[in-house]
Structure formats: C-alpha cells, structure tokens
C-alpha atoms as a PDB file:
ATOM      1  CA  MET A   1      87.234 121.674 138.064  1.00  0.00           C
ATOM      2  CA  LEU A   2      87.308 121.995 134.194  1.00  0.00           C
ATOM      3  CA  SER A   3      89.846 124.962 134.335  1.00  0.00           C
ATOM      4  CA  LYS A   4      92.006 121.904 136.399  1.00  0.00           C
ATOM      5  CA  LEU A   5      92.028 120.075 133.345  1.00  0.00           C
ATOM      6  CA  LEU A   6      92.557 122.312 131.058  1.00  0.00           C
ATOM      7  CA  THR A   7      95.818 123.338 132.611  1.00  0.00           C
ATOM      8  CA  GLU A   8      97.350 120.913 134.302  1.00  0.00           C
ATOM      9  CA  HIS A   9      99.019 119.255 131.275  1.00  0.00           C
ATOM     10  CA  PRO A  10     100.291 122.251 129.708  1.00  0.00           C
ATOM     11  CA  GLU A  11     101.479 123.727 132.799  1.00  0.00           C
ATOM     12  CA  SER A  12     103.549 120.787 133.405  1.00  0.00           C
ATOM     13  CA  VAL A  13     105.591 120.894 130.179  1.00  0.00           C
ATOM     14  CA  GLY A  14     106.258 124.530 130.910  1.00  0.00           C
ATOM     15  CA  GLU A  15     103.090 125.937 128.526  1.00  0.00           C
ATOM     16  CA  THR A  16      99.914 128.099 129.100  1.00  0.00           C
ATOM     17  CA  TYR A  17      96.427 126.514 127.642  1.00  0.00           C
ATOM     18  CA  GLY A  18      97.470 128.590 124.319  1.00  0.00           C
ATOM     19  CA  GLU A  19     101.246 127.974 123.790  1.00  0.00           C
ATOM     20  CA  HIS A  20      99.795 124.363 124.030  1.00  0.00           C
ATOM     21  CA  MET A  21      97.237 124.450 122.032  1.00  0.00           C
ATOM     22  CA  ALA A  22      99.214 126.247 119.312  1.00  0.00           C
ATOM     23  CA  ALA A  23     102.210 123.612 119.626  1.00  0.00           C
ATOM     24  CA  ALA A  24     100.072 120.219 119.979  1.00  0.00           C
ATOM     25  CA  GLY A  25      98.117 121.763 116.862  1.00  0.00           C
ATOM     26  CA  SER A  26     101.426 122.343 115.062  1.00  0.00           C
ATOM     27  CA  PHE A  27     102.528 118.824 115.507  1.00  0.00           C
ATOM     28  CA  SER A  28      99.036 117.146 114.521  1.00  0.00           C
ATOM     29  CA  TRP A  29      99.202 119.628 110.932  1.00  0.00           C
ATOM     30  CA  ASN A  30     102.557 118.298 110.511  1.00  0.00           C
ATOM     31  CA  LEU A  31     101.796 114.507 110.933  1.00  0.00           C
ATOM     32  CA  PHE A  32      98.882 115.163 108.643  1.00  0.00           C
ATOM     33  CA  ILE A  33     100.953 116.171 105.505  1.00  0.00           C
ATOM     34  CA  ALA A  34     103.667 113.048 106.755  1.00  0.00           C
ATOM     35  CA  ALA A  35     100.568 110.658 106.792  1.00  0.00           C
ATOM     36  CA  LEU A  36      99.775 111.592 103.153  1.00  0.00           C
ATOM     37  CA  VAL A  37     103.100 112.003 101.967  1.00  0.00           C
ATOM     38  CA  CYS A  38     103.634 108.772 103.255  1.00  0.00           C
ATOM     39  CA  ALA A  39     100.425 107.421 101.366  1.00  0.00           C
ATOM     40  CA  VAL A  40     101.332 108.694  98.231  1.00  0.00           C
ATOM     41  CA  HIS A  41     105.016 107.111  98.486  1.00  0.00           C
ATOM     42  CA  ALA A  42     103.573 103.666  99.005  1.00  0.00           C
ATOM     43  CA  PHE A  43     101.566 104.446  96.088  1.00  0.00           C
ATOM     44  CA  LEU A  44     104.588 106.372  94.058  1.00  0.00           C
ATOM     45  CA  PRO A  45     107.524 105.333  95.299  1.00  0.00           C
ATOM     46  CA  PHE A  46     109.495 107.615  93.176  1.00  0.00           C
ATOM     47  CA  MET A  47     107.892 110.793  95.141  1.00  0.00           C
ATOM     48  CA  PHE A  48     108.446 111.892  98.562  1.00  0.00           C
ATOM     49  CA  GLU A  49     111.484 109.533  99.154  1.00  0.00           C
ATOM     50  CA  LYS A  50     112.479 111.383 101.844  1.00  0.00           C
ATOM     51  CA  THR A  51     109.697 113.786 103.043  1.00  0.00           C
ATOM     52  CA  GLY A  52     107.712 111.886 105.521  1.00  0.00           C
ATOM     53  CA  SER A  53     110.971 110.797 107.671  1.00  0.00           C
ATOM     54  CA  ARG A  54     112.394 114.339 107.179  1.00  0.00           C
ATOM     55  CA  ARG A  55     108.840 115.355 108.437  1.00  0.00           C
ATOM     56  CA  VAL A  56     108.878 112.800 111.479  1.00  0.00           C
ATOM     57  CA  GLU A  57     112.864 113.455 112.341  1.00  0.00           C
ATOM     58  CA  MET A  58     112.004 117.367 112.450  1.00  0.00           C
ATOM     59  CA  LEU A  59     109.245 116.919 114.876  1.00  0.00           C
ATOM     60  CA  TYR A  60     111.384 114.747 116.918  1.00  0.00           C
ATOM     61  CA  GLN A  61     113.918 117.302 117.451  1.00  0.00           C
ATOM     62  CA  ARG A  62     111.146 119.910 118.204  1.00  0.00           C
ATOM     63  CA  MET A  63     110.084 117.851 120.732  1.00  0.00           C
ATOM     64  CA  VAL A  64     113.036 117.431 122.510  1.00  0.00           C
ATOM     65  CA  THR A  65     114.069 120.678 121.937  1.00  0.00           C
ATOM     66  CA  HIS A  66     111.403 121.709 124.030  1.00  0.00           C
ATOM     67  CA  ARG A  67     111.544 119.038 126.540  1.00  0.00           C
ATOM     68  CA  ASP A  68     115.303 119.479 127.431  1.00  0.00           C
ATOM     69  CA  LYS A  69     114.107 123.344 127.866  1.00  0.00           C
ATOM     70  CA  ARG A  70     111.869 122.831 130.861  1.00  0.00           C
ATOM     71  CA  VAL A  71     113.158 123.450 134.088  1.00  0.00           C
ATOM     72  CA  GLY A  72     113.234 120.884 137.061  1.00  0.00           C
ATOM     73  CA  GLU A  73     112.898 117.931 134.620  1.00  0.00           C
ATOM     74  CA  PRO A  74     116.177 115.847 134.901  1.00  0.00           C
ATOM     75  CA  ASP A  75     117.837 115.109 131.691  1.00  0.00           C
ATOM     76  CA  GLY A  76     114.752 116.918 129.852  1.00  0.00           C
ATOM     77  CA  LEU A  77     113.269 113.190 130.514  1.00  0.00           C
ATOM     78  CA  GLU A  78     109.223 113.287 130.193  1.00  0.00           C
ATOM     79  CA  THR A  79     106.803 110.620 129.789  1.00  0.00           C
ATOM     80  CA  GLN A  80     103.997 112.339 128.071  1.00  0.00           C
ATOM     81  CA  VAL A  81     105.110 115.307 125.887  1.00  0.00           C
ATOM     82  CA  ALA A  82     101.540 116.488 123.933  1.00  0.00           C
END
C-alpha cells in the first residue's frame, strides 16, 4: 500500500521515485531562492530586479519541456506536475 502511494504519481509523470524526489527537490530549492530574492527586492528594489522572475520562468520552461517529453500525453497536458 505504502509503495503504491510513493510510486503512483512519479510513474504517472514518467519518473522513478528517486527521479521524482530529485526533480521536486530541485524545484523546491529554486522556488526558495526565488522567494528570497523577491523578498530582498521588495525592500531594496534596485537589487535582483529580474532574478526572481528569471528563475520562475526557467522553472516553468523546465516543467513544460519535461511534461512534453512524456509518452502518451496528448499535447503534453497534465493537471499535476510536481
């Protein structure tokens, strides 16, 4: 039962449990960094003027590119990615 809970979603996106953990962890780290630079930018607007938005855009492109490579997905559409 636990094994199915841990592997069902990763398999649905064409990944093993380990691959999914690495990908989701990488997204989490990058979002954390984006949040930090955006918080600094809120107080010091001359700093990190485009860093946060670039990082979010990079993550979006990575997610879409990965999603489009999956076999069997019409037009690369998926309701849940991470």
